[in-house]
Amino acid sequence: MPADNHKLKVSLVVSDLSSSGAGRWGGGVRPFLLAQALRKLNYDVEMLGVAFGEKAEAIANTDIPIVAFPCEYHSGFLPAASRVLKKIDGDIIYAVKLKPSSFGIALVKKFLSHRPLILDIDDWELSWYGGEKWQYRSGWKQFTRDLFTAEGALKHPDHPLYLKWIEGFYRHADVVTIHNQFLQKRFGGTYIPNGKDTDLFDPAKYDYRASRVKYNLADYRILMFPGAPRPYKGVEDVLIALDKLGQPDLRLAIVGGSPYDDYDRQLKEKWGKWIIQLPRSPVNMMPEIVSAADVIVVPQRNTPAARAQFPLKLTDGMAMAKPILATCVGDIPQILADTGYLVAPNCPEDISSAIKVIFADLDRAKTKGIEARKRCVEYYSIETMAQILERIMAKFELR
């Protein structure tokens, strides 16, 4: 840990500080968790990055200093990246995501300044495009259009061609950190879980009944998905299960919705009678919202994107001592262990059966929730993240 009279600075370089990027949950996503853990170790932490399509003043966090340079999706990235590069002044650089817009900028700074660089990989970025199978197959004419027209695909730094290139450079980081076995098998690195602020997410501080009244949930048995629905996250499987059960007092509460596309609308068009949509809320409000749930659902489908993730909503439920219904995908079985209800992925029938089991013996389900909180405090807290980071950062302090 740095001495009090010489607080070392860490520059966290984030790929997208817009409201649809790292800012979408108001401080609850991976970069902010790492920042919290580093601050527990007495590091001075600043977060820097571009903000795609956003005004800089729209990106703010009351606890962590943020420097964001806005740019449009298909223009202005290089000037914005240059401004980020000049502002990085930490003793240690910590890039979050294996992308040109974070690791790429940080790697240039490492070569220019000779400062140590840590890379955190929290997704397999190519999984969104088919993984290893993806190839850029356009001819020279299309390549020219993609590169030089105003909204050409290659104007955006997150194009899969650039993601594939940047993946080949990950070994140039001094240290790699990851949060699940899938990523560790692919990239190696040190495991740091997605920790939860278990003091903030403490069920003893919130009133279940009052929260249900406040959010208009009191008339229903509530399954809650406290995240952004996307097809691989399996929300459709829960809605199909509710259709099969046909019990009128069951509802799926979706908190926040998708900032990426119109997937929310598609879900509502088909299954609107089962859905209650709650607005996106800052992280300090999420415990109160989660406290209103009867069950937290984490129904990930068995896809490469899902296997490469550590679902934050899982530890939301665990920390709040909620019964959790999740699928056996990625690290979920290891994280949850025997403190929740696990079913096969892509299987609405199993989900509907598990819902019946949970509500048939809710006392047992609540006991499992209490055990889940104990497990979260021990293995998946900000304190746990800090303990692992302390060992990593000690290597640089001895230089």
Protein backbone atom coordinates (compact mmCIF):
# COMPACT_ATOMS: atom_id res chain seq x y z
CA MET A 1 0.00 0.00 0.00
CA PRO A 2 1.38 3.45 -0.83
CA ALA A 3 2.67 5.47 2.08
CA ASP A 4 0.39 8.27 3.19
CA ASN A 5 2.97 10.93 2.27
CA HIS A 6 3.33 9.59 -1.29
CA LYS A 7 -0.02 8.52 -2.67
CA LEU A 8 0.57 6.84 -6.01
CA LYS A 9 -1.80 7.67 -8.84
CA VAL A 10 -3.57 5.17 -11.06
CA SER A 11 -4.94 6.30 -14.43
CA LEU A 12 -7.89 4.07 -15.34
CA VAL A 13 -8.31 4.27 -19.11
CA VAL A 14 -11.89 3.29 -20.04
CA SER A 15 -13.11 2.46 -23.56
CA ASP A 16 -16.33 4.49 -23.50
CA LEU A 17 -17.38 6.89 -20.76
CA SER A 18 -20.71 7.73 -22.35
CA SER A 19 -24.07 7.03 -20.72
CA SER A 20 -24.43 3.93 -22.92
CA GLY A 21 -20.90 2.78 -22.08
CA ALA A 22 -19.31 2.72 -18.63
CA GLY A 23 -21.70 5.43 -17.45
CA ARG A 24 -24.85 3.42 -18.14
CA TRP A 25 -25.25 2.17 -14.56
CA GLY A 26 -24.01 5.29 -12.83
CA GLY A 27 -20.97 3.69 -11.24
CA GLY A 28 -21.88 0.02 -10.88
CA VAL A 29 -19.83 -1.50 -13.71
CA ARG A 30 -16.31 -2.96 -13.78
CA PRO A 31 -14.19 0.24 -14.10
CA PHE A 32 -15.90 1.78 -11.07
CA LEU A 33 -15.51 -1.43 -9.06
CA LEU A 34 -11.77 -1.46 -9.78
CA ALA A 35 -11.58 2.22 -8.85
CA GLN A 36 -13.32 1.58 -5.52
CA ALA A 37 -10.95 -1.27 -4.71
CA LEU A 38 -7.90 0.84 -5.58
CA ARG A 39 -9.10 3.69 -3.42
CA LYS A 40 -9.46 1.30 -0.50
CA LEU A 41 -5.71 0.73 -0.93
CA ASN A 42 -5.12 4.50 -0.70
CA TYR A 43 -4.32 5.07 -4.38
CA ASP A 44 -5.25 8.31 -6.09
CA VAL A 45 -7.53 7.20 -8.94
CA GLU A 46 -8.61 9.11 -12.03
CA MET A 47 -10.77 7.72 -14.84
CA LEU A 48 -10.10 8.85 -18.42
CA GLY A 49 -11.47 8.02 -21.83
CA VAL A 50 -13.49 9.01 -24.86
CA ALA A 51 -17.27 9.34 -24.69
CA PHE A 52 -18.91 8.20 -27.89
CA GLY A 53 -21.76 10.47 -28.93
CA GLU A 54 -21.90 12.27 -25.58
CA LYS A 55 -21.17 15.69 -24.17
CA ALA A 56 -18.36 15.60 -21.65
CA GLU A 57 -20.45 17.26 -18.98
CA ALA A 58 -22.98 14.41 -19.18
CA ILE A 59 -20.41 11.99 -17.76
CA ALA A 60 -19.99 12.49 -14.04
CA ASN A 61 -19.43 10.57 -10.84
CA THR A 62 -19.42 12.19 -7.44
CA ASP A 63 -16.71 9.91 -6.00
CA ILE A 64 -14.17 9.35 -8.77
CA PRO A 65 -12.61 12.13 -10.89
CA ILE A 66 -13.53 11.59 -14.54
CA VAL A 67 -11.95 13.13 -17.64
CA ALA A 68 -14.04 12.36 -20.74
CA PHE A 69 -13.53 13.66 -24.28
CA PRO A 70 -16.62 13.36 -26.49
CA CYS A 71 -16.51 12.22 -30.09
CA GLU A 72 -19.02 10.94 -32.62
CA TYR A 73 -19.18 7.27 -33.48
CA HIS A 74 -17.73 7.68 -36.98
CA SER A 75 -15.60 10.77 -36.56
CA GLY A 76 -13.30 12.49 -34.14
CA PHE A 77 -11.91 9.44 -32.35
CA LEU A 78 -8.23 10.11 -33.12
CA PRO A 79 -8.30 13.74 -31.87
CA ALA A 80 -10.23 12.66 -28.75
CA ALA A 81 -7.81 9.77 -28.17
CA SER A 82 -4.88 12.18 -28.50
CA ARG A 83 -6.39 14.37 -25.79
CA VAL A 84 -6.83 11.35 -23.52
CA LEU A 85 -3.22 10.34 -24.17
CA LYS A 86 -1.93 13.74 -23.06
CA LYS A 87 -4.01 13.65 -19.87
CA ILE A 88 -2.81 10.25 -18.63
CA ASP A 89 -0.38 11.08 -15.84
CA GLY A 90 -0.72 8.20 -13.38
CA ASP A 91 2.24 6.36 -11.92
CA ILE A 92 0.45 3.20 -13.08
CA ILE A 93 -1.83 2.88 -16.11
CA TYR A 94 -4.80 0.51 -15.89
CA ALA A 95 -6.67 -0.09 -19.16
CA VAL A 96 -10.18 -1.53 -18.88
CA LYS A 97 -11.24 -3.65 -21.90
CA LEU A 98 -9.13 -5.06 -24.71
CA LYS A 99 -10.14 -2.36 -27.17
CA PRO A 100 -8.28 0.29 -29.21
CA SER A 101 -10.26 2.96 -27.34
CA SER A 102 -8.79 1.89 -23.98
CA PHE A 103 -5.90 -0.59 -24.24
CA GLY A 104 -4.74 0.92 -27.53
CA ILE A 105 -4.43 4.41 -26.01
CA ALA A 106 -2.87 3.03 -22.82
CA LEU A 107 -0.34 0.96 -24.77
CA VAL A 108 0.87 4.03 -26.68
CA LYS A 109 1.25 5.85 -23.35
CA LYS A 110 3.23 2.91 -21.92
CA PHE A 111 5.68 3.00 -24.84
CA LEU A 112 6.06 6.80 -24.59
CA SER A 113 6.34 7.06 -20.80
CA HIS A 114 7.70 3.62 -19.77
CA ARG A 115 5.09 3.47 -17.01
CA PRO A 116 3.71 0.07 -15.98
CA LEU A 117 0.50 -1.00 -17.67
CA ILE A 118 -2.20 -3.32 -16.34
CA LEU A 119 -4.89 -4.60 -18.71
CA ASP A 120 -8.28 -5.71 -17.41
CA ILE A 121 -10.20 -7.97 -19.80
CA ASP A 122 -13.87 -8.26 -18.86
CA ASP A 123 -15.28 -9.51 -22.18
CA TRP A 124 -14.10 -11.45 -25.18
CA GLU A 125 -14.80 -8.59 -27.57
CA LEU A 126 -14.74 -10.75 -30.70
CA SER A 127 -17.49 -12.96 -29.27
CA TRP A 128 -20.03 -10.35 -30.38
CA TYR A 129 -18.98 -10.97 -34.01
CA GLY A 130 -18.67 -14.75 -34.14
CA GLY A 131 -15.32 -15.13 -32.39
CA GLU A 132 -12.46 -16.77 -34.26
CA LYS A 133 -14.65 -17.28 -37.33
CA TRP A 134 -14.90 -13.56 -38.06
CA GLN A 135 -13.00 -12.35 -41.12
CA TYR A 136 -12.94 -9.03 -42.93
CA ARG A 137 -13.79 -10.22 -46.44
CA SER A 138 -14.54 -6.98 -48.30
CA GLY A 139 -12.72 -6.18 -51.52
CA TRP A 140 -10.63 -3.06 -52.12
CA LYS A 141 -13.61 -0.94 -53.21
CA GLN A 142 -15.59 -1.76 -50.08
CA PHE A 143 -12.46 -1.35 -47.94
CA THR A 144 -11.98 2.13 -49.38
CA ARG A 145 -15.62 3.04 -48.67
CA ASP A 146 -15.40 1.60 -45.14
CA LEU A 147 -12.27 3.60 -44.41
CA PHE A 148 -12.87 6.94 -46.14
CA THR A 149 -16.62 7.65 -46.37
CA ALA A 150 -18.18 9.83 -43.66
CA GLU A 151 -19.85 6.93 -41.87
CA GLY A 152 -17.62 4.12 -43.06
CA ALA A 153 -17.54 1.06 -40.80
CA LEU A 154 -13.78 1.31 -40.33
CA LYS A 155 -14.09 4.83 -38.95
CA HIS A 156 -15.22 3.32 -35.64
CA PRO A 157 -12.43 2.03 -33.37
CA ASP A 158 -14.60 -0.85 -32.14
CA HIS A 159 -14.84 -2.42 -35.58
CA PRO A 160 -14.06 -6.16 -35.27
CA LEU A 161 -11.05 -5.77 -37.57
CA TYR A 162 -9.42 -3.50 -34.99
CA LEU A 163 -10.58 -5.69 -32.11
CA LYS A 164 -8.88 -8.66 -33.77
CA TRP A 165 -5.67 -6.69 -34.27
CA ILE A 166 -5.54 -5.31 -30.73
CA GLU A 167 -6.12 -8.76 -29.23
CA GLY A 168 -2.70 -9.77 -30.56
CA PHE A 169 -1.02 -7.14 -28.37
CA TYR A 170 -2.38 -8.11 -24.96
CA ARG A 171 0.93 -9.67 -23.90
CA HIS A 172 2.51 -6.21 -23.96
CA ALA A 173 0.69 -5.39 -20.72
CA ASP A 174 2.81 -5.88 -17.61
CA VAL A 175 -0.12 -7.60 -15.88
CA VAL A 176 -3.46 -8.91 -17.15
CA THR A 177 -6.49 -9.18 -14.87
CA ILE A 178 -9.68 -11.09 -15.68
CA HIS A 179 -12.87 -12.13 -13.88
CA ASN A 180 -13.71 -15.64 -15.06
CA GLN A 181 -12.30 -18.97 -16.16
CA PHE A 182 -13.22 -18.55 -19.84
CA LEU A 183 -11.10 -15.40 -20.13
CA GLN A 184 -8.31 -16.86 -18.02
CA LYS A 185 -8.01 -19.88 -20.33
CA ARG A 186 -7.79 -17.57 -23.33
CA PHE A 187 -5.60 -14.77 -21.99
CA GLY A 188 -4.10 -16.01 -18.73
CA GLY A 189 -3.90 -13.34 -16.07
CA THR A 190 -4.87 -12.85 -12.45
CA TYR A 191 -8.44 -13.49 -11.35
CA ILE A 192 -10.21 -10.51 -9.76
CA PRO A 193 -13.97 -11.05 -9.27
CA ASN A 194 -16.61 -8.41 -9.83
CA GLY A 195 -16.92 -7.38 -6.22
CA LYS A 196 -19.96 -5.78 -4.64
CA ASP A 197 -20.09 -2.99 -2.10
CA THR A 198 -21.66 -5.21 0.55
CA ASP A 199 -22.05 -2.28 2.95
CA LEU A 200 -24.23 -0.46 0.41
CA PHE A 201 -25.91 -3.70 -0.72
CA ASP A 202 -26.97 -4.75 2.79
CA PRO A 203 -30.55 -6.05 3.14
CA ALA A 204 -30.69 -4.91 6.78
CA LYS A 205 -30.75 -1.30 5.57
CA TYR A 206 -33.85 -1.63 3.37
CA ASP A 207 -37.52 -2.40 3.94
CA TYR A 208 -38.88 -5.03 1.55
CA ARG A 209 -42.52 -3.98 1.91
CA ALA A 210 -41.85 -0.24 1.71
CA SER A 211 -39.73 -0.74 -1.42
CA ARG A 212 -42.47 -2.79 -3.07
CA VAL A 213 -44.99 -0.02 -2.41
CA LYS A 214 -42.60 2.69 -3.62
CA TYR A 215 -41.99 0.94 -6.95
CA ASN A 216 -45.60 -0.22 -7.44
CA LEU A 217 -44.75 -3.91 -7.07
CA ALA A 218 -46.80 -4.74 -3.98
CA ASP A 219 -49.55 -6.60 -5.86
CA TYR A 220 -47.25 -9.13 -7.47
CA ARG A 221 -44.73 -11.88 -6.87
CA ILE A 222 -41.68 -10.31 -8.47
CA LEU A 223 -38.95 -11.94 -10.48
CA MET A 224 -36.36 -9.23 -11.10
CA PHE A 225 -33.74 -8.79 -13.79
CA PRO A 226 -31.63 -5.80 -12.64
CA GLY A 227 -29.77 -5.22 -15.88
CA ALA A 228 -29.86 -4.45 -19.59
CA PRO A 229 -31.68 -7.24 -21.47
CA ARG A 230 -30.00 -8.60 -24.58
CA PRO A 231 -30.81 -11.85 -26.42
CA TYR A 232 -27.90 -13.81 -24.89
CA LYS A 233 -29.02 -12.89 -21.36
CA GLY A 234 -32.05 -15.16 -21.61
CA VAL A 235 -34.83 -12.82 -20.50
CA GLU A 236 -37.02 -14.29 -23.22
CA ASP A 237 -36.71 -17.72 -21.58
CA VAL A 238 -38.09 -16.31 -18.33
CA LEU A 239 -41.01 -14.69 -20.18
CA ILE A 240 -41.78 -17.95 -22.00
CA ALA A 241 -41.75 -19.68 -18.61
CA LEU A 242 -44.23 -17.15 -17.25
CA ASP A 243 -46.45 -17.83 -20.25
CA LYS A 244 -46.32 -21.55 -19.47
CA LEU A 245 -47.14 -20.99 -15.79
CA GLY A 246 -49.97 -18.58 -16.54
CA GLN A 247 -50.12 -17.35 -12.93
CA PRO A 248 -51.55 -13.80 -13.03
CA ASP A 249 -49.72 -12.48 -9.97
CA LEU A 250 -46.23 -13.21 -11.34
CA ARG A 251 -44.27 -10.43 -13.04
CA LEU A 252 -40.78 -9.90 -14.39
CA ALA A 253 -39.41 -6.50 -13.34
CA ILE A 254 -36.68 -5.30 -15.70
CA VAL A 255 -34.57 -2.52 -14.23
CA GLY A 256 -33.08 -0.02 -16.63
CA GLY A 257 -33.65 -1.66 -19.97
CA SER A 258 -31.32 -1.82 -22.96
CA PRO A 259 -29.29 1.28 -23.87
CA TYR A 260 -28.18 -0.36 -27.12
CA ASP A 261 -31.24 -0.87 -29.31
CA ASP A 262 -35.03 -1.42 -29.32
CA TYR A 263 -34.90 -4.87 -27.70
CA ASP A 264 -37.09 -3.64 -24.82
CA ARG A 265 -39.82 -2.75 -27.28
CA GLN A 266 -39.60 -6.18 -28.90
CA LEU A 267 -40.00 -7.88 -25.52
CA LYS A 268 -42.98 -5.72 -24.58
CA GLU A 269 -44.72 -6.33 -27.91
CA LYS A 270 -44.66 -10.07 -27.34
CA TRP A 271 -44.79 -10.45 -23.54
CA GLY A 272 -45.89 -7.05 -22.25
CA LYS A 273 -48.48 -8.48 -19.85
CA TRP A 274 -45.69 -10.08 -17.78
CA ILE A 275 -43.26 -7.14 -17.77
CA ILE A 276 -42.88 -4.24 -15.36
CA GLN A 277 -40.27 -1.78 -16.59
CA LEU A 278 -38.41 0.19 -13.93
CA PRO A 279 -36.20 3.13 -14.93
CA ARG A 280 -32.44 3.06 -15.02
CA SER A 281 -31.16 4.15 -11.62
CA PRO A 282 -27.79 5.10 -10.12
CA VAL A 283 -25.93 2.43 -8.20
CA ASN A 284 -26.80 3.92 -4.80
CA MET A 285 -30.50 3.32 -5.52
CA MET A 286 -30.13 -0.25 -6.76
CA PRO A 287 -30.12 -1.95 -3.33
CA GLU A 288 -33.51 -0.45 -2.49
CA ILE A 289 -34.88 -1.58 -5.86
CA VAL A 290 -33.43 -5.10 -5.51
CA SER A 291 -34.88 -5.31 -2.00
CA ALA A 292 -38.37 -5.22 -3.56
CA ALA A 293 -37.78 -8.47 -5.49
CA ASP A 294 -38.88 -11.94 -4.45
CA VAL A 295 -36.39 -13.66 -6.77
CA ILE A 296 -33.45 -12.42 -8.84
CA VAL A 297 -33.15 -14.12 -12.24
CA VAL A 298 -29.86 -14.54 -14.13
CA PRO A 299 -30.96 -16.66 -17.11
CA GLN A 300 -27.84 -16.42 -19.32
CA ARG A 301 -27.96 -18.44 -22.53
CA ASN A 302 -25.07 -20.70 -23.48
CA THR A 303 -23.19 -18.43 -25.89
CA PRO A 304 -19.51 -17.35 -26.06
CA ALA A 305 -20.49 -13.83 -24.98
CA ALA A 306 -22.30 -15.14 -21.90
CA ARG A 307 -19.53 -17.59 -20.99
CA ALA A 308 -17.02 -14.72 -21.03
CA GLN A 309 -18.99 -12.64 -18.51
CA PHE A 310 -19.38 -12.31 -14.76
CA PRO A 311 -23.01 -11.11 -14.45
CA LEU A 312 -23.14 -8.15 -12.07
CA LYS A 313 -26.80 -8.83 -11.38
CA LEU A 314 -25.76 -12.13 -9.77
CA THR A 315 -23.92 -10.38 -6.94
CA ASP A 316 -26.69 -7.77 -6.70
CA GLY A 317 -28.98 -10.59 -5.63
CA MET A 318 -26.41 -12.41 -3.51
CA ALA A 319 -25.45 -9.31 -1.54
CA MET A 320 -29.13 -8.54 -0.89
CA ALA A 321 -29.79 -12.10 0.35
CA LYS A 322 -32.34 -12.79 -2.39
CA PRO A 323 -33.27 -16.21 -3.76
CA ILE A 324 -31.47 -16.50 -7.11
CA LEU A 325 -32.56 -18.47 -10.15
CA ALA A 326 -29.71 -18.78 -12.65
CA THR A 327 -28.49 -20.93 -15.50
CA CYS A 328 -25.40 -23.15 -15.59
CA VAL A 329 -23.34 -20.92 -17.88
CA GLY A 330 -19.74 -19.83 -17.46
CA ASP A 331 -18.68 -19.31 -13.85
CA ILE A 332 -22.22 -18.95 -12.49
CA PRO A 333 -22.31 -22.42 -10.85
CA GLN A 334 -18.98 -21.74 -9.10
CA ILE A 335 -19.99 -18.25 -7.98
CA LEU A 336 -23.40 -19.27 -6.67
CA ALA A 337 -22.40 -22.78 -5.49
CA ASP A 338 -25.33 -24.30 -3.54
CA THR A 339 -26.80 -20.96 -2.42
CA GLY A 340 -29.27 -20.62 -5.29
CA TYR A 341 -31.30 -22.50 -7.90
CA LEU A 342 -29.46 -23.60 -11.04
CA VAL A 343 -31.12 -24.77 -14.25
CA ALA A 344 -29.99 -25.66 -17.75
CA PRO A 345 -29.55 -22.73 -20.15
CA ASN A 346 -31.94 -22.08 -23.04
CA CYS A 347 -34.65 -24.08 -21.24
CA PRO A 348 -37.89 -22.22 -20.30
CA GLU A 349 -39.38 -25.49 -19.04
CA ASP A 350 -36.66 -25.80 -16.39
CA ILE A 351 -37.13 -22.15 -15.42
CA SER A 352 -40.88 -22.59 -14.96
CA SER A 353 -40.29 -25.70 -12.82
CA ALA A 354 -37.76 -23.85 -10.67
CA ILE A 355 -40.16 -20.92 -10.17
CA LYS A 356 -42.77 -23.36 -8.86
CA VAL A 357 -40.22 -24.96 -6.52
CA ILE A 358 -39.08 -21.59 -5.14
CA PHE A 359 -42.55 -20.28 -4.36
CA ALA A 360 -43.72 -23.64 -3.01
CA ASP A 361 -41.13 -23.33 -0.21
CA LEU A 362 -40.23 -19.66 0.03
CA ASP A 363 -38.74 -20.05 3.52
CA ARG A 364 -36.13 -22.46 2.14
CA ALA A 365 -35.47 -20.08 -0.75
CA LYS A 366 -34.91 -17.20 1.67
CA THR A 367 -32.49 -19.33 3.68
CA LYS A 368 -30.52 -19.94 0.50
CA GLY A 369 -30.51 -16.17 -0.06
CA ILE A 370 -29.00 -15.58 3.39
CA GLU A 371 -26.26 -18.11 2.57
CA ALA A 372 -25.69 -16.36 -0.76
CA ARG A 373 -25.02 -13.07 1.03
CA LYS A 374 -22.48 -14.74 3.32
CA ARG A 375 -20.74 -16.15 0.25
CA CYS A 376 -20.79 -12.76 -1.47
CA VAL A 377 -19.24 -11.01 1.55
CA GLU A 378 -16.48 -13.63 1.76
CA TYR A 379 -15.58 -14.06 -1.92
CA TYR A 380 -17.22 -11.35 -4.04
CA SER A 381 -16.85 -8.03 -2.24
CA ILE A 382 -14.90 -4.85 -3.00
CA GLU A 383 -12.65 -5.86 -0.08
CA THR A 384 -11.82 -9.14 -1.87
CA MET A 385 -10.93 -7.19 -5.02
CA ALA A 386 -8.70 -4.89 -2.97
CA GLN A 387 -6.83 -7.81 -1.37
CA ILE A 388 -5.94 -9.23 -4.79
CA LEU A 389 -5.05 -5.83 -6.24
CA GLU A 390 -2.77 -5.11 -3.29
CA ARG A 391 -0.56 -8.06 -4.28
CA ILE A 392 -0.50 -6.93 -7.91
CA MET A 393 0.29 -3.29 -7.17
CA ALA A 394 3.10 -4.23 -4.76
CA LYS A 395 5.13 -5.45 -7.76
CA PHE A 396 5.17 -1.94 -9.22
CA GLU A 397 5.87 -0.13 -5.96
CA LEU A 398 9.12 -2.09 -5.55
CA ARG A 399 10.47 -0.87 -8.90
